[in-house]
Protein backbone atom coordinates (compact mmCIF):
# COMPACT_ATOMS: atom_id res chain seq x y z
CA MET A 1 26.67 -20.73 -15.63
CA LYS A 2 26.40 -21.41 -11.91
CA ALA A 3 29.61 -21.50 -9.89
CA PRO A 4 30.42 -24.84 -8.23
CA ALA A 5 29.33 -25.17 -4.62
CA ARG A 6 31.95 -24.46 -1.98
CA ASN A 7 32.79 -27.73 -0.18
CA TYR A 8 33.42 -27.96 3.54
CA ASP A 9 35.64 -30.27 5.61
CA VAL A 10 33.32 -33.08 6.71
CA ALA A 11 35.85 -34.57 9.15
CA ALA A 12 36.26 -31.22 10.91
CA LEU A 13 32.49 -30.75 11.14
CA ARG A 14 32.09 -34.27 12.56
CA ARG A 15 34.73 -33.56 15.23
CA TYR A 16 33.13 -30.20 16.03
CA LEU A 17 29.62 -31.61 16.44
CA ARG A 18 30.74 -34.60 18.50
CA GLY A 19 33.01 -32.42 20.64
CA HIS A 20 30.57 -29.57 21.30
CA ILE A 21 27.16 -31.26 21.24
CA PRO A 22 27.14 -34.36 23.47
CA LEU A 23 23.93 -35.61 21.84
CA ALA A 24 25.75 -35.83 18.47
CA ALA A 25 28.32 -38.17 19.99
CA ALA A 26 25.66 -40.22 21.79
CA MET A 27 23.74 -40.60 18.52
CA ASP A 28 27.00 -41.71 16.80
CA ILE A 29 26.45 -39.24 13.93
CA ASP A 30 28.65 -39.10 10.87
CA VAL A 31 28.91 -36.18 8.46
CA VAL A 32 28.54 -37.65 4.98
CA ALA A 33 28.69 -34.52 2.82
CA ALA A 34 28.79 -30.76 3.30
CA ASP A 35 28.82 -27.93 0.82
CA GLU A 36 27.16 -24.53 0.65
CA ARG A 37 23.99 -26.02 -0.83
CA ALA A 38 23.39 -28.92 1.57
CA VAL A 39 24.66 -30.94 4.52
CA ARG A 40 24.01 -34.66 4.95
CA ILE A 41 24.45 -36.25 8.36
CA ALA A 42 23.82 -39.94 9.05
CA ALA A 43 23.19 -42.02 12.15
CA PRO A 44 23.01 -45.76 12.85
CA LEU A 45 19.90 -47.28 14.35
CA ALA A 46 21.44 -48.92 17.46
CA PRO A 47 22.03 -45.80 19.64
CA ASN A 48 18.80 -44.22 18.35
CA ILE A 49 16.41 -47.14 18.74
CA ASN A 50 13.03 -47.14 20.47
CA LEU A 51 11.00 -49.96 22.02
CA HIS A 52 9.51 -50.82 18.61
CA GLU A 53 13.01 -51.40 17.18
CA THR A 54 12.72 -48.36 14.94
CA ALA A 55 14.37 -44.95 15.22
CA PHE A 56 13.24 -42.87 18.18
CA GLY A 57 11.36 -39.77 16.96
CA GLY A 58 13.55 -37.53 19.11
CA SER A 59 16.66 -38.86 17.38
CA VAL A 60 15.10 -38.32 13.96
CA VAL A 61 14.26 -34.68 14.63
CA SER A 62 17.62 -34.17 16.35
CA LEU A 63 19.45 -35.39 13.25
CA ALA A 64 17.44 -32.95 11.12
CA ILE A 65 18.25 -30.08 13.47
CA LEU A 66 21.95 -30.99 13.52
CA ALA A 67 22.14 -31.11 9.71
CA SER A 68 20.21 -27.84 9.34
CA TRP A 69 22.19 -26.01 12.02
CA SER A 70 25.43 -27.29 10.49
CA LEU A 71 24.55 -25.91 7.06
CA LEU A 72 23.98 -22.43 8.48
CA HIS A 73 26.99 -22.65 10.82
CA LEU A 74 29.35 -23.58 7.99
CA ARG A 75 28.06 -20.90 5.64
CA LEU A 76 28.28 -18.15 8.26
CA GLN A 77 31.75 -19.32 9.27
CA ALA A 78 32.91 -19.37 5.62
CA ASP A 79 31.58 -15.83 5.19
CA GLY A 80 33.53 -14.74 8.30
CA ILE A 81 30.41 -13.79 10.25
CA GLY A 82 30.61 -14.41 13.99
CA ASN A 83 27.26 -15.34 15.48
CA ARG A 84 25.19 -17.35 17.92
CA LEU A 85 22.85 -19.60 16.00
CA VAL A 86 19.77 -21.20 17.56
CA ILE A 87 16.65 -22.96 16.38
CA GLN A 88 13.47 -20.99 16.98
CA ARG A 89 10.78 -23.39 15.79
CA ASN A 90 10.38 -26.58 13.82
CA VAL A 91 7.81 -28.93 12.36
CA ILE A 92 8.48 -32.54 11.44
CA THR A 93 6.23 -34.95 9.61
CA TYR A 94 7.00 -38.64 10.04
CA GLU A 95 6.04 -40.59 6.91
CA ARG A 96 7.32 -44.09 7.61
CA PRO A 97 9.15 -46.03 10.32
CA ILE A 98 12.95 -46.10 10.20
CA ALA A 99 14.32 -49.57 10.89
CA GLY A 100 18.00 -49.03 10.06
CA ALA A 101 20.66 -46.41 9.47
CA PHE A 102 19.17 -43.08 8.39
CA SER A 103 20.30 -39.65 7.22
CA ALA A 104 19.17 -36.05 7.09
CA LEU A 105 19.82 -33.86 4.05
CA ALA A 106 19.41 -30.18 4.91
CA SER A 107 19.17 -27.26 2.50
CA LEU A 108 17.90 -23.69 2.58
CA ALA A 109 14.13 -23.45 2.12
CA THR A 110 14.84 -20.95 -0.67
CA GLY A 111 18.26 -20.33 -2.17
CA GLU A 112 17.57 -16.61 -2.56
CA ALA A 113 17.14 -16.22 1.21
CA TRP A 114 20.86 -16.27 2.07
CA LYS A 115 21.88 -12.80 0.91
CA PRO A 116 18.98 -10.95 2.65
CA PHE A 117 19.57 -13.06 5.77
CA VAL A 118 23.24 -12.06 5.94
CA GLN A 119 22.48 -8.41 5.19
CA LEU A 120 19.88 -8.24 7.96
CA LEU A 121 22.20 -9.98 10.42
CA GLN A 122 24.98 -7.49 9.66
CA ARG A 123 22.66 -4.48 9.78
CA ARG A 124 20.43 -5.34 12.76
CA GLY A 125 22.42 -7.99 14.62
CA LYS A 126 19.61 -10.54 14.31
CA ALA A 127 18.10 -12.47 11.41
CA ARG A 128 15.93 -15.53 10.73
CA ILE A 129 16.17 -18.12 8.00
CA ALA A 130 14.25 -21.28 7.10
CA VAL A 131 15.87 -24.64 6.42
CA HIS A 132 14.28 -27.85 5.13
CA ALA A 133 15.55 -31.38 5.62
CA LYS A 134 14.58 -34.71 4.17
CA LEU A 135 15.16 -37.70 6.41
CA GLU A 136 15.96 -40.78 4.39
CA TYR A 137 15.96 -44.46 5.18
CA ASP A 138 16.44 -47.38 2.81
CA GLY A 139 16.39 -45.15 -0.27
CA ALA A 140 13.12 -43.38 0.55
CA ILE A 141 11.98 -40.31 2.47
CA ALA A 142 10.93 -41.26 6.00
CA ALA A 143 10.29 -37.77 7.39
CA ARG A 144 10.28 -34.10 6.37
CA PHE A 145 11.55 -31.27 8.56
CA GLU A 146 11.06 -27.52 8.41
CA GLY A 147 12.96 -25.34 10.82
CA GLU A 148 13.44 -21.65 11.42
CA PHE A 149 16.78 -20.57 12.87
CA VAL A 150 17.82 -17.26 14.38
CA ALA A 151 21.33 -15.88 14.17
CA LEU A 152 22.47 -13.23 16.62
CA SER A 153 25.63 -11.22 16.07
CA ALA A 154 28.51 -12.35 18.23
CA GLY A 155 29.61 -10.00 20.92
């Protein structure tokens, strides 16, 4: 039987993101859910709108990056591992226009990747891991994100 996922404080994550990443505040993000399996972050359309009255592509990918980074940040923090975490590369596929509030649901590309990632980070001081995110609008997937993040040991 699988152990229940460890939940994280969504209000604290929201404050952290808005306080440390000005773009998160400008986008008016809200952290909807966060546990060790996934993080969901939402944003309203108004501060993220483009000239076509749909979500600006840069806001869409930014929300995916924020959700993905947050998942890794929270897991490393919960494991007591100090680090600097950055995105190395990403690919996003836009599937449909977003004409209202939208969200990004981030999860590890493969669940088995976490343990080797942490071991490599502790042993070599640097490790990479892939994260996927689904961007949802009006009950359907509007975009898909794949990102690779690098963690560097703190210090």
